[in-house]
Amino acid sequence: MGSMPTSSDASQFASSLRAAYGVYDTEPTSSAIRSAGTLTPVSRGPFEGYLVHANAVRSRRPALRDRWEECAFILMPLAGDIHVDHYDRQNVLTAGDMVLMDSHAPSTIDAFGRNRSVVLAMPRSSVSQLRPDSDRLFGRRLQGRKGIGNMLSAMLASIVDADAEEEMDARDSMLTLSVTMSLLDRLIENRPDSDSHRRSRAEAEIGKMRSWVVEHAADPDMSIETLARRFALSRRSLYRLFGEVGATPRQWLADVRLDEARKWLVAGDPRFRTVSQVAFAAGFNDSSHFSRLFKRRFGVLPGSLAR
C-alpha cells in the first residue's frame, strides 16, 4: 500500500468525494487515529471510477443524482478491510471481496484502519439484466478469494494496475464489460424461486433474532443453544436457517455483539467509562478476548475508538 496522506488531507478527502459524487459526508471513526484519505481517478475501457486510500474515516452518501444517477458500482478493497452498510445489509469486506452498490440507495463505508480500495462504475441496466429481482443483488458480499470470484477480483485489480497510456478500443471495452458481467452472473447465487423465498424467510427470522440478541446482549450465558430454545428451533434447524444466508449462528452472534460494542464506542456512550465495561455490556466475559475479536472484525483495537 502506498503512503497515507497527512492529517491535513482529511478535509480535502471530504471535498474530493463531494467534487466526484456531488454529496458526501465524512467523519473520523476514531479520535485516537489520524483520519485521512485520497481519491485518484481511474478510467479504463468500460469503467470509470476512483482508487481510494482511506484511514480511520467513515464516508456516508445519499442516493446519487446527475452523472451517477443510473450507475451501479463495484466496490473492492485491494488492501485492508472496510465495513459497508448498503440496502440495510452490513458486510465486512477483506482484500479481494466485492459488493455491488446502487446509485439509487444510500450507503455508509467505514475504513477503521488503513485501506486501499477501488470503486468502478457501470450502467445500472447491466446489473438489472442479470436477474429480474436485481435489487437483491446490491449490498451483498461477493467472495473474491477463490474460484470465479478470484478470477473477477484479479481482473478488476488489473484494471487499476494497468498502464494509463495503454488504451482499450471500443471492441476491447465491450468485451471487458461482457466478461465482467458474465463472471458476476456466475458468482452471484442463482437459486430457483423456492430458494429465494426460503432465503427471504430466513432473513426475516434472523432479523427478529437480532432484535432479541441486541436487547439481551449483556447476558454472558447467551449461546447458540439459548438462541435455538428462544425461537423453538433445534440446533440443526438453527444452523440450516443461517445456512440460507451464508452464515453460521456462532459467528453471527459474536458479530452482533461486536457491532453493538462498536456503536457504543463510536458514540461515546456515557454509560461506559472503560473498554472492559463495553465488553461486559456486549456479553463478553474476557476483555482481552473481546479486543482480539474486535480487531479481527474492524481492523482496530476497541480502545482506539473510545472517546
C-alpha atoms as a PDB file:
ATOM      1  CA  MET A   1       0.000   0.000   0.000  1.00  0.00           C
ATOM      2  CA  GLY A   2       1.186   3.482  -0.774  1.00  0.00           C
ATOM      3  CA  SER A   3       1.846   6.050   1.915  1.00  0.00           C
ATOM      4  CA  MET A   4      -1.143   7.671   3.545  1.00  0.00           C
ATOM      5  CA  PRO A   5      -1.768  11.401   3.335  1.00  0.00           C
ATOM      6  CA  THR A   6      -1.129  13.680   6.269  1.00  0.00           C
ATOM      7  CA  SER A   7      -3.828  14.719   8.713  1.00  0.00           C
ATOM      8  CA  SER A   8      -4.331  17.979   6.841  1.00  0.00           C
ATOM      9  CA  ASP A   9      -5.737  15.930   3.949  1.00  0.00           C
ATOM     10  CA  ALA A  10      -8.797  14.705   5.881  1.00  0.00           C
ATOM     11  CA  SER A  11     -10.933  17.706   4.948  1.00  0.00           C
ATOM     12  CA  GLN A  12      -9.551  17.589   1.418  1.00  0.00           C
ATOM     13  CA  PHE A  13     -10.718  13.971   1.189  1.00  0.00           C
ATOM     14  CA  ALA A  14     -14.276  15.047   2.010  1.00  0.00           C
ATOM     15  CA  SER A  15     -14.042  17.823  -0.582  1.00  0.00           C
ATOM     16  CA  SER A  16     -12.752  15.358  -3.179  1.00  0.00           C
ATOM     17  CA  LEU A  17     -15.655  12.983  -2.539  1.00  0.00           C
ATOM     18  CA  ARG A  18     -18.163  15.796  -2.918  1.00  0.00           C
ATOM     19  CA  ALA A  19     -16.499  17.014  -6.103  1.00  0.00           C
ATOM     20  CA  ALA A  20     -16.610  13.488  -7.529  1.00  0.00           C
ATOM     21  CA  TYR A  21     -20.082  12.360  -6.468  1.00  0.00           C
ATOM     22  CA  GLY A  22     -21.973  15.539  -5.585  1.00  0.00           C
ATOM     23  CA  VAL A  23     -22.980  14.823  -1.980  1.00  0.00           C
ATOM     24  CA  TYR A  24     -20.876  13.117   0.681  1.00  0.00           C
ATOM     25  CA  ASP A  25     -20.332  13.420   4.418  1.00  0.00           C
ATOM     26  CA  THR A  26     -17.283  12.126   6.242  1.00  0.00           C
ATOM     27  CA  GLU A  27     -16.330  11.758   9.878  1.00  0.00           C
ATOM     28  CA  PRO A  28     -13.473  10.133  11.813  1.00  0.00           C
ATOM     29  CA  THR A  29     -14.017   6.618  13.109  1.00  0.00           C
ATOM     30  CA  SER A  30     -11.638   7.284  15.988  1.00  0.00           C
ATOM     31  CA  SER A  31     -10.331  10.229  17.953  1.00  0.00           C
ATOM     32  CA  ALA A  32      -7.058   8.383  18.510  1.00  0.00           C
ATOM     33  CA  ILE A  33      -6.187   7.627  14.892  1.00  0.00           C
ATOM     34  CA  ARG A  34      -5.457  10.230  12.253  1.00  0.00           C
ATOM     35  CA  SER A  35      -8.322  10.423   9.771  1.00  0.00           C
ATOM     36  CA  ALA A  36      -7.223  10.926   6.181  1.00  0.00           C
ATOM     37  CA  GLY A  37      -7.818   9.882   2.600  1.00  0.00           C
ATOM     38  CA  THR A  38      -7.128  10.445  -1.065  1.00  0.00           C
ATOM     39  CA  LEU A  39      -9.148   9.946  -4.237  1.00  0.00           C
ATOM     40  CA  THR A  40      -7.475   9.174  -7.583  1.00  0.00           C
ATOM     41  CA  PRO A  41      -9.481   8.900 -10.835  1.00  0.00           C
ATOM     42  CA  VAL A  42      -9.412   5.557 -12.678  1.00  0.00           C
ATOM     43  CA  SER A  43     -10.618   5.261 -16.262  1.00  0.00           C
ATOM     44  CA  ARG A  44     -10.075   2.231 -18.430  1.00  0.00           C
ATOM     45  CA  GLY A  45     -12.235   0.568 -21.053  1.00  0.00           C
ATOM     46  CA  PRO A  46     -15.884   0.442 -19.955  1.00  0.00           C
ATOM     47  CA  PHE A  47     -15.107   1.528 -16.407  1.00  0.00           C
ATOM     48  CA  GLU A  48     -14.502   4.799 -14.713  1.00  0.00           C
ATOM     49  CA  GLY A  49     -14.166   5.308 -11.030  1.00  0.00           C
ATOM     50  CA  TYR A  50     -11.679   6.004  -8.282  1.00  0.00           C
ATOM     51  CA  LEU A  51      -8.816   4.470  -6.385  1.00  0.00           C
ATOM     52  CA  VAL A  52      -9.398   5.339  -2.736  1.00  0.00           C
ATOM     53  CA  HIS A  53      -6.918   5.437   0.115  1.00  0.00           C
ATOM     54  CA  ALA A  54      -8.633   5.905   3.477  1.00  0.00           C
ATOM     55  CA  ASN A  55      -7.607   5.714   7.097  1.00  0.00           C
ATOM     56  CA  ALA A  56      -9.958   5.849  10.109  1.00  0.00           C
ATOM     57  CA  VAL A  57     -12.765   7.565   8.213  1.00  0.00           C
ATOM     58  CA  ARG A  58     -16.484   6.977   7.667  1.00  0.00           C
ATOM     59  CA  SER A  59     -17.943   8.067   4.311  1.00  0.00           C
ATOM     60  CA  ARG A  60     -21.701   8.449   4.017  1.00  0.00           C
ATOM     61  CA  ARG A  61     -23.773   9.389   0.970  1.00  0.00           C
ATOM     62  CA  PRO A  62     -27.466   9.582  -0.002  1.00  0.00           C
ATOM     63  CA  ALA A  63     -28.813   8.349  -3.329  1.00  0.00           C
ATOM     64  CA  LEU A  64     -26.791   9.855  -6.166  1.00  0.00           C
ATOM     65  CA  ARG A  65     -28.037  12.175  -8.882  1.00  0.00           C
ATOM     66  CA  ASP A  66     -26.916  13.740 -12.149  1.00  0.00           C
ATOM     67  CA  ARG A  67     -23.892  11.993 -13.670  1.00  0.00           C
ATOM     68  CA  TRP A  68     -24.130   8.904 -11.449  1.00  0.00           C
ATOM     69  CA  GLU A  69     -27.905   8.528 -11.211  1.00  0.00           C
ATOM     70  CA  GLU A  70     -28.188   5.472 -13.478  1.00  0.00           C
ATOM     71  CA  CYS A  71     -24.999   3.751 -12.372  1.00  0.00           C
ATOM     72  CA  ALA A  72     -24.140   0.679 -10.369  1.00  0.00           C
ATOM     73  CA  PHE A  73     -20.754   0.307  -8.720  1.00  0.00           C
ATOM     74  CA  ILE A  74     -18.369  -2.493  -7.871  1.00  0.00           C
ATOM     75  CA  LEU A  75     -16.521  -1.687  -4.652  1.00  0.00           C
ATOM     76  CA  MET A  76     -13.481  -3.838  -3.872  1.00  0.00           C
ATOM     77  CA  PRO A  77     -10.793  -3.376  -1.207  1.00  0.00           C
ATOM     78  CA  LEU A  78      -7.313  -4.039  -2.535  1.00  0.00           C
ATOM     79  CA  ALA A  79      -5.640  -3.871   0.888  1.00  0.00           C
ATOM     80  CA  GLY A  80      -7.182  -3.659   4.350  1.00  0.00           C
ATOM     81  CA  ASP A  81     -10.791  -4.152   5.400  1.00  0.00           C
ATOM     82  CA  ILE A  82     -13.896  -1.997   5.070  1.00  0.00           C
ATOM     83  CA  HIS A  83     -17.358  -2.185   6.606  1.00  0.00           C
ATOM     84  CA  VAL A  84     -20.179  -1.479   4.129  1.00  0.00           C
ATOM     85  CA  ASP A  85     -23.791  -0.663   5.035  1.00  0.00           C
ATOM     86  CA  HIS A  86     -25.974  -0.660   1.908  1.00  0.00           C
ATOM     87  CA  TYR A  87     -29.585  -1.766   1.301  1.00  0.00           C
ATOM     88  CA  ASP A  88     -29.786  -2.380   5.080  1.00  0.00           C
ATOM     89  CA  ARG A  89     -27.161  -5.082   4.648  1.00  0.00           C
ATOM     90  CA  GLN A  90     -23.911  -4.869   6.581  1.00  0.00           C
ATOM     91  CA  ASN A  91     -20.774  -6.573   5.348  1.00  0.00           C
ATOM     92  CA  VAL A  92     -17.103  -6.588   6.208  1.00  0.00           C
ATOM     93  CA  LEU A  93     -15.030  -6.829   3.039  1.00  0.00           C
ATOM     94  CA  THR A  94     -11.443  -8.000   3.052  1.00  0.00           C
ATOM     95  CA  ALA A  95      -8.986  -7.603   0.181  1.00  0.00           C
ATOM     96  CA  GLY A  96     -10.462  -9.123  -2.996  1.00  0.00           C
ATOM     97  CA  ASP A  97     -14.059  -9.256  -1.762  1.00  0.00           C
ATOM     98  CA  MET A  98     -16.612  -7.202  -3.697  1.00  0.00           C
ATOM     99  CA  VAL A  99     -20.008  -5.638  -3.246  1.00  0.00           C
ATOM    100  CA  LEU A 100     -22.407  -4.272  -5.848  1.00  0.00           C
ATOM    101  CA  MET A 101     -23.728  -0.835  -4.936  1.00  0.00           C
ATOM    102  CA  ASP A 102     -26.731   1.022  -6.295  1.00  0.00           C
ATOM    103  CA  SER A 103     -26.734   4.742  -7.056  1.00  0.00           C
ATOM    104  CA  HIS A 104     -30.436   4.815  -6.111  1.00  0.00           C
ATOM    105  CA  ALA A 105     -29.768   3.868  -2.462  1.00  0.00           C
ATOM    106  CA  PRO A 106     -27.682   5.499   0.294  1.00  0.00           C
ATOM    107  CA  SER A 107     -24.541   3.870   1.658  1.00  0.00           C
ATOM    108  CA  THR A 108     -22.075   4.119   4.516  1.00  0.00           C
ATOM    109  CA  ILE A 109     -18.495   2.876   4.259  1.00  0.00           C
ATOM    110  CA  ASP A 110     -16.195   2.608   7.281  1.00  0.00           C
ATOM    111  CA  ALA A 111     -12.435   2.277   6.984  1.00  0.00           C
ATOM    112  CA  PHE A 112     -11.325   1.645  10.561  1.00  0.00           C
ATOM    113  CA  GLY A 113      -7.673   1.254   9.645  1.00  0.00           C
ATOM    114  CA  ARG A 114      -5.535   1.820   6.573  1.00  0.00           C
ATOM    115  CA  ASN A 115      -7.351   0.777   3.446  1.00  0.00           C
ATOM    116  CA  ARG A 116      -6.889   0.902  -0.304  1.00  0.00           C
ATOM    117  CA  SER A 117      -9.989   0.244  -2.427  1.00  0.00           C
ATOM    118  CA  VAL A 118     -11.267   0.692  -5.942  1.00  0.00           C
ATOM    119  CA  VAL A 119     -14.796   1.679  -6.917  1.00  0.00           C
ATOM    120  CA  LEU A 120     -15.783   1.250 -10.568  1.00  0.00           C
ATOM    121  CA  ALA A 121     -18.997   2.463 -12.190  1.00  0.00           C
ATOM    122  CA  MET A 122     -21.038   0.630 -14.812  1.00  0.00           C
ATOM    123  CA  PRO A 123     -24.516   1.129 -16.270  1.00  0.00           C
ATOM    124  CA  ARG A 124     -27.171   0.182 -13.725  1.00  0.00           C
ATOM    125  CA  SER A 125     -29.038  -1.556 -16.528  1.00  0.00           C
ATOM    126  CA  SER A 126     -26.153  -4.042 -16.822  1.00  0.00           C
ATOM    127  CA  VAL A 127     -26.921  -5.312 -13.327  1.00  0.00           C
ATOM    128  CA  SER A 128     -30.706  -5.292 -13.763  1.00  0.00           C
ATOM    129  CA  GLN A 129     -30.265  -7.552 -16.796  1.00  0.00           C
ATOM    130  CA  LEU A 130     -28.589 -10.232 -14.654  1.00  0.00           C
ATOM    131  CA  ARG A 131     -31.674 -11.032 -12.579  1.00  0.00           C
ATOM    132  CA  PRO A 132     -35.328  -9.944 -12.652  1.00  0.00           C
ATOM    133  CA  ASP A 133     -35.072  -9.182  -8.900  1.00  0.00           C
ATOM    134  CA  SER A 134     -31.852  -7.199  -9.274  1.00  0.00           C
ATOM    135  CA  ASP A 135     -32.419  -5.219  -6.064  1.00  0.00           C
ATOM    136  CA  ARG A 136     -31.495  -8.394  -4.178  1.00  0.00           C
ATOM    137  CA  LEU A 137     -28.020  -8.270  -5.701  1.00  0.00           C
ATOM    138  CA  PHE A 138     -26.996  -4.953  -4.181  1.00  0.00           C
ATOM    139  CA  GLY A 139     -25.292  -4.751  -0.814  1.00  0.00           C
ATOM    140  CA  ARG A 140     -24.288  -8.417  -0.677  1.00  0.00           C
ATOM    141  CA  ARG A 141     -20.719  -9.524  -0.111  1.00  0.00           C
ATOM    142  CA  LEU A 142     -19.218 -11.411  -3.056  1.00  0.00           C
ATOM    143  CA  GLN A 143     -16.337 -13.619  -2.011  1.00  0.00           C
ATOM    144  CA  GLY A 144     -13.300 -12.812  -4.118  1.00  0.00           C
ATOM    145  CA  ARG A 145     -10.585 -15.165  -2.913  1.00  0.00           C
ATOM    146  CA  LYS A 146     -11.450 -18.384  -4.719  1.00  0.00           C
ATOM    147  CA  GLY A 147     -12.977 -19.722  -7.905  1.00  0.00           C
ATOM    148  CA  ILE A 148     -14.897 -17.337 -10.152  1.00  0.00           C
ATOM    149  CA  GLY A 149     -14.675 -14.603  -7.522  1.00  0.00           C
ATOM    150  CA  ASN A 150     -10.895 -14.753  -7.597  1.00  0.00           C
ATOM    151  CA  MET A 151     -10.907 -14.500 -11.390  1.00  0.00           C
ATOM    152  CA  LEU A 152     -13.151 -11.424 -11.272  1.00  0.00           C
ATOM    153  CA  SER A 153     -11.255  -9.666  -8.485  1.00  0.00           C
ATOM    154  CA  ALA A 154      -7.941 -10.296 -10.264  1.00  0.00           C
ATOM    155  CA  MET A 155      -9.328  -8.808 -13.473  1.00  0.00           C
ATOM    156  CA  LEU A 156     -10.630  -5.715 -11.680  1.00  0.00           C
ATOM    157  CA  ALA A 157      -7.319  -5.261  -9.866  1.00  0.00           C
ATOM    158  CA  SER A 158      -5.505  -5.448 -13.211  1.00  0.00           C
ATOM    159  CA  ILE A 159      -7.619  -2.538 -14.452  1.00  0.00           C
ATOM    160  CA  VAL A 160      -6.299  -0.393 -11.633  1.00  0.00           C
ATOM    161  CA  ASP A 161      -2.704  -1.515 -12.157  1.00  0.00           C
ATOM    162  CA  ALA A 162      -2.730  -1.171 -15.969  1.00  0.00           C
ATOM    163  CA  ASP A 163      -0.574   1.406 -17.683  1.00  0.00           C
ATOM    164  CA  ALA A 164      -2.634   4.571 -18.039  1.00  0.00           C
ATOM    165  CA  GLU A 165      -1.266   5.099 -21.547  1.00  0.00           C
ATOM    166  CA  GLU A 166      -2.436   1.655 -22.677  1.00  0.00           C
ATOM    167  CA  GLU A 167      -5.898   2.417 -24.057  1.00  0.00           C
ATOM    168  CA  MET A 168      -8.690  -0.015 -24.986  1.00  0.00           C
ATOM    169  CA  ASP A 169     -10.506   0.380 -28.267  1.00  0.00           C
ATOM    170  CA  ALA A 170     -14.308   0.152 -28.403  1.00  0.00           C
ATOM    171  CA  ARG A 171     -14.277  -3.559 -29.204  1.00  0.00           C
ATOM    172  CA  ASP A 172     -11.987  -4.432 -26.270  1.00  0.00           C
ATOM    173  CA  SER A 173     -14.057  -2.219 -23.996  1.00  0.00           C
ATOM    174  CA  MET A 174     -17.280  -4.057 -24.888  1.00  0.00           C
ATOM    175  CA  LEU A 175     -15.549  -7.414 -24.419  1.00  0.00           C
ATOM    176  CA  THR A 176     -14.250  -6.391 -20.987  1.00  0.00           C
ATOM    177  CA  LEU A 177     -17.723  -5.377 -19.821  1.00  0.00           C
ATOM    178  CA  SER A 178     -19.219  -8.579 -21.224  1.00  0.00           C
ATOM    179  CA  VAL A 179     -16.642 -10.762 -19.430  1.00  0.00           C
ATOM    180  CA  THR A 180     -17.156  -8.827 -16.193  1.00  0.00           C
ATOM    181  CA  MET A 181     -20.920  -9.317 -16.280  1.00  0.00           C
ATOM    182  CA  SER A 182     -20.547 -12.988 -17.205  1.00  0.00           C
ATOM    183  CA  LEU A 183     -18.259 -13.565 -14.212  1.00  0.00           C
ATOM    184  CA  LEU A 184     -20.640 -11.639 -11.969  1.00  0.00           C
ATOM    185  CA  ASP A 185     -23.517 -13.733 -13.254  1.00  0.00           C
ATOM    186  CA  ARG A 186     -21.697 -16.929 -12.294  1.00  0.00           C
ATOM    187  CA  LEU A 187     -20.585 -15.540  -8.960  1.00  0.00           C
ATOM    188  CA  ILE A 188     -23.990 -14.358  -7.807  1.00  0.00           C
ATOM    189  CA  GLU A 189     -26.069 -17.104  -6.277  1.00  0.00           C
ATOM    190  CA  ASN A 190     -28.556 -18.363  -8.852  1.00  0.00           C
ATOM    191  CA  ARG A 191     -31.327 -20.165  -6.967  1.00  0.00           C
ATOM    192  CA  PRO A 192     -34.841 -21.093  -8.084  1.00  0.00           C
ATOM    193  CA  ASP A 193     -37.766 -19.079  -6.750  1.00  0.00           C
ATOM    194  CA  SER A 194     -38.453 -21.507  -3.905  1.00  0.00           C
ATOM    195  CA  ASP A 195     -34.926 -20.998  -2.595  1.00  0.00           C
ATOM    196  CA  SER A 196     -35.332 -17.236  -2.905  1.00  0.00           C
ATOM    197  CA  HIS A 197     -38.452 -17.438  -0.738  1.00  0.00           C
ATOM    198  CA  ARG A 198     -36.593 -19.542   1.814  1.00  0.00           C
ATOM    199  CA  ARG A 199     -33.794 -17.021   1.952  1.00  0.00           C
ATOM    200  CA  SER A 200     -36.271 -14.166   2.418  1.00  0.00           C
ATOM    201  CA  ARG A 201     -37.975 -16.012   5.250  1.00  0.00           C
ATOM    202  CA  ALA A 202     -34.614 -16.795   6.816  1.00  0.00           C
ATOM    203  CA  GLU A 203     -33.555 -13.137   6.652  1.00  0.00           C
ATOM    204  CA  ALA A 204     -36.828 -12.074   8.303  1.00  0.00           C
ATOM    205  CA  GLU A 205     -36.423 -14.640  11.096  1.00  0.00           C
ATOM    206  CA  ILE A 206     -32.788 -13.706  11.667  1.00  0.00           C
ATOM    207  CA  GLY A 207     -33.855 -10.065  11.826  1.00  0.00           C
ATOM    208  CA  LYS A 208     -36.140 -10.942  14.746  1.00  0.00           C
ATOM    209  CA  MET A 209     -33.289 -12.817  16.387  1.00  0.00           C
ATOM    210  CA  ARG A 210     -31.020  -9.804  16.014  1.00  0.00           C
ATOM    211  CA  SER A 211     -33.505  -7.548  17.812  1.00  0.00           C
ATOM    212  CA  TRP A 212     -33.741 -10.044  20.664  1.00  0.00           C
ATOM    213  CA  VAL A 213     -29.970 -10.513  20.915  1.00  0.00           C
ATOM    214  CA  VAL A 214     -29.391  -6.736  20.981  1.00  0.00           C
ATOM    215  CA  GLU A 215     -31.921  -6.431  23.801  1.00  0.00           C
ATOM    216  CA  HIS A 216     -30.176  -9.193  25.794  1.00  0.00           C
ATOM    217  CA  ALA A 217     -26.594  -8.575  24.667  1.00  0.00           C
ATOM    218  CA  ALA A 218     -25.300  -8.215  28.226  1.00  0.00           C
ATOM    219  CA  ASP A 219     -26.218 -11.802  29.130  1.00  0.00           C
ATOM    220  CA  PRO A 220     -22.866 -13.642  29.141  1.00  0.00           C
ATOM    221  CA  ASP A 221     -24.655 -17.000  29.180  1.00  0.00           C
ATOM    222  CA  MET A 222     -26.391 -16.407  25.861  1.00  0.00           C
ATOM    223  CA  SER A 223     -25.349 -19.155  23.473  1.00  0.00           C
ATOM    224  CA  ILE A 224     -26.386 -20.977  20.320  1.00  0.00           C
ATOM    225  CA  GLU A 225     -28.480 -23.270  22.480  1.00  0.00           C
ATOM    226  CA  THR A 226     -30.173 -20.287  24.161  1.00  0.00           C
ATOM    227  CA  LEU A 227     -30.986 -18.793  20.775  1.00  0.00           C
ATOM    228  CA  ALA A 228     -32.381 -22.089  19.475  1.00  0.00           C
ATOM    229  CA  ARG A 229     -34.597 -22.581  22.547  1.00  0.00           C
ATOM    230  CA  ARG A 230     -35.884 -18.999  22.456  1.00  0.00           C
ATOM    231  CA  PHE A 231     -37.041 -19.406  18.860  1.00  0.00           C
ATOM    232  CA  ALA A 232     -38.175 -23.033  19.199  1.00  0.00           C
ATOM    233  CA  LEU A 233     -35.563 -24.483  16.857  1.00  0.00           C
ATOM    234  CA  SER A 234     -33.312 -27.486  17.111  1.00  0.00           C
ATOM    235  CA  ARG A 235     -29.596 -26.839  16.861  1.00  0.00           C
ATOM    236  CA  ARG A 236     -29.595 -28.441  13.411  1.00  0.00           C
ATOM    237  CA  SER A 237     -32.521 -26.272  12.246  1.00  0.00           C
ATOM    238  CA  LEU A 238     -30.778 -23.152  13.548  1.00  0.00           C
ATOM    239  CA  TYR A 239     -27.660 -23.927  11.519  1.00  0.00           C
ATOM    240  CA  ARG A 240     -29.788 -24.696   8.473  1.00  0.00           C
ATOM    241  CA  LEU A 241     -31.577 -21.341   8.880  1.00  0.00           C
ATOM    242  CA  PHE A 242     -28.302 -19.418   8.927  1.00  0.00           C
ATOM    243  CA  GLY A 243     -27.003 -21.523   6.061  1.00  0.00           C
ATOM    244  CA  GLU A 244     -29.714 -19.967   3.879  1.00  0.00           C
ATOM    245  CA  VAL A 245     -27.938 -16.608   4.184  1.00  0.00           C
ATOM    246  CA  GLY A 246     -24.386 -17.970   4.060  1.00  0.00           C
ATOM    247  CA  ALA A 247     -23.606 -17.540   7.766  1.00  0.00           C
ATOM    248  CA  THR A 248     -23.149 -19.554  10.954  1.00  0.00           C
ATOM    249  CA  PRO A 249     -25.070 -18.753  14.156  1.00  0.00           C
ATOM    250  CA  ARG A 250     -21.923 -18.694  16.296  1.00  0.00           C
ATOM    251  CA  GLN A 251     -20.133 -16.124  14.153  1.00  0.00           C
ATOM    252  CA  TRP A 252     -23.333 -14.140  13.665  1.00  0.00           C
ATOM    253  CA  LEU A 253     -23.925 -13.938  17.415  1.00  0.00           C
ATOM    254  CA  ALA A 254     -20.397 -12.662  18.016  1.00  0.00           C
ATOM    255  CA  ASP A 255     -20.706 -10.148  15.178  1.00  0.00           C
ATOM    256  CA  VAL A 256     -23.993  -8.735  16.520  1.00  0.00           C
ATOM    257  CA  ARG A 257     -22.390  -8.185  19.922  1.00  0.00           C
ATOM    258  CA  LEU A 258     -19.299  -6.625  18.362  1.00  0.00           C
ATOM    259  CA  ASP A 259     -21.442  -4.326  16.222  1.00  0.00           C
ATOM    260  CA  GLU A 260     -23.271  -3.101  19.320  1.00  0.00           C
ATOM    261  CA  ALA A 261     -19.989  -2.552  21.147  1.00  0.00           C
ATOM    262  CA  ARG A 262     -18.601  -0.522  18.232  1.00  0.00           C
ATOM    263  CA  LYS A 263     -21.718   1.670  18.194  1.00  0.00           C
ATOM    264  CA  TRP A 264     -21.296   2.419  21.895  1.00  0.00           C
ATOM    265  CA  LEU A 265     -17.601   3.205  21.494  1.00  0.00           C
ATOM    266  CA  VAL A 266     -18.010   5.431  18.450  1.00  0.00           C
ATOM    267  CA  ALA A 267     -20.911   7.297  20.063  1.00  0.00           C
ATOM    268  CA  GLY A 268     -19.004   7.776  23.314  1.00  0.00           C
ATOM    269  CA  ASP A 269     -21.887   6.230  25.287  1.00  0.00           C
ATOM    270  CA  PRO A 270     -21.712   7.832  28.779  1.00  0.00           C
ATOM    271  CA  ARG A 271     -22.765   4.554  30.427  1.00  0.00           C
ATOM    272  CA  PHE A 272     -19.307   3.132  29.843  1.00  0.00           C
ATOM    273  CA  ARG A 273     -16.019   4.526  31.101  1.00  0.00           C
ATOM    274  CA  THR A 274     -13.707   1.697  30.034  1.00  0.00           C
ATOM    275  CA  VAL A 275     -13.365  -0.820  27.230  1.00  0.00           C
ATOM    276  CA  SER A 276     -13.897  -3.586  29.796  1.00  0.00           C
ATOM    277  CA  GLN A 277     -17.308  -2.143  30.679  1.00  0.00           C
ATOM    278  CA  VAL A 278     -18.240  -2.102  26.988  1.00  0.00           C
ATOM    279  CA  ALA A 279     -17.055  -5.697  26.608  1.00  0.00           C
ATOM    280  CA  PHE A 280     -19.128  -6.922  29.556  1.00  0.00           C
ATOM    281  CA  ALA A 281     -22.203  -4.970  28.386  1.00  0.00           C
ATOM    282  CA  ALA A 282     -21.884  -6.685  24.999  1.00  0.00           C
ATOM    283  CA  GLY A 283     -21.796 -10.114  26.653  1.00  0.00           C
ATOM    284  CA  PHE A 284     -18.051 -10.839  26.653  1.00  0.00           C
ATOM    285  CA  ASN A 285     -16.577 -12.199  29.899  1.00  0.00           C
ATOM    286  CA  ASP A 286     -12.971 -11.620  28.844  1.00  0.00           C
ATOM    287  CA  SER A 287     -11.998  -8.117  27.709  1.00  0.00           C
ATOM    288  CA  SER A 288      -8.792  -9.419  26.074  1.00  0.00           C
ATOM    289  CA  HIS A 289     -10.767 -11.922  24.005  1.00  0.00           C
ATOM    290  CA  PHE A 290     -13.205  -9.140  23.148  1.00  0.00           C
ATOM    291  CA  SER A 291     -10.347  -6.914  21.957  1.00  0.00           C
ATOM    292  CA  ARG A 292      -8.934  -9.668  19.739  1.00  0.00           C
ATOM    293  CA  LEU A 293     -12.323 -10.339  18.115  1.00  0.00           C
ATOM    294  CA  PHE A 294     -12.983  -6.612  17.741  1.00  0.00           C
ATOM    295  CA  LYS A 295      -9.696  -6.037  15.925  1.00  0.00           C
ATOM    296  CA  ARG A 296     -10.291  -9.055  13.690  1.00  0.00           C
ATOM    297  CA  ARG A 297     -13.690  -7.675  12.648  1.00  0.00           C
ATOM    298  CA  PHE A 298     -12.950  -3.950  12.411  1.00  0.00           C
ATOM    299  CA  GLY A 299      -9.182  -3.730  11.958  1.00  0.00           C
ATOM    300  CA  VAL A 300      -8.536  -1.630  15.079  1.00  0.00           C
ATOM    301  CA  LEU A 301      -8.498  -2.204  18.819  1.00  0.00           C
ATOM    302  CA  PRO A 302     -11.596  -1.015  20.682  1.00  0.00           C
ATOM    303  CA  GLY A 303      -9.538   1.388  22.783  1.00  0.00           C
ATOM    304  CA  SER A 304      -8.700   3.403  19.675  1.00  0.00           C
ATOM    305  CA  LEU A 305     -12.402   4.217  19.205  1.00  0.00           C
ATOM    306  CA  ALA A 306     -13.104   5.138  22.816  1.00  0.00           C
ATOM    307  CA  ARG A 307     -13.842   8.819  23.379  1.00  0.00           C
END
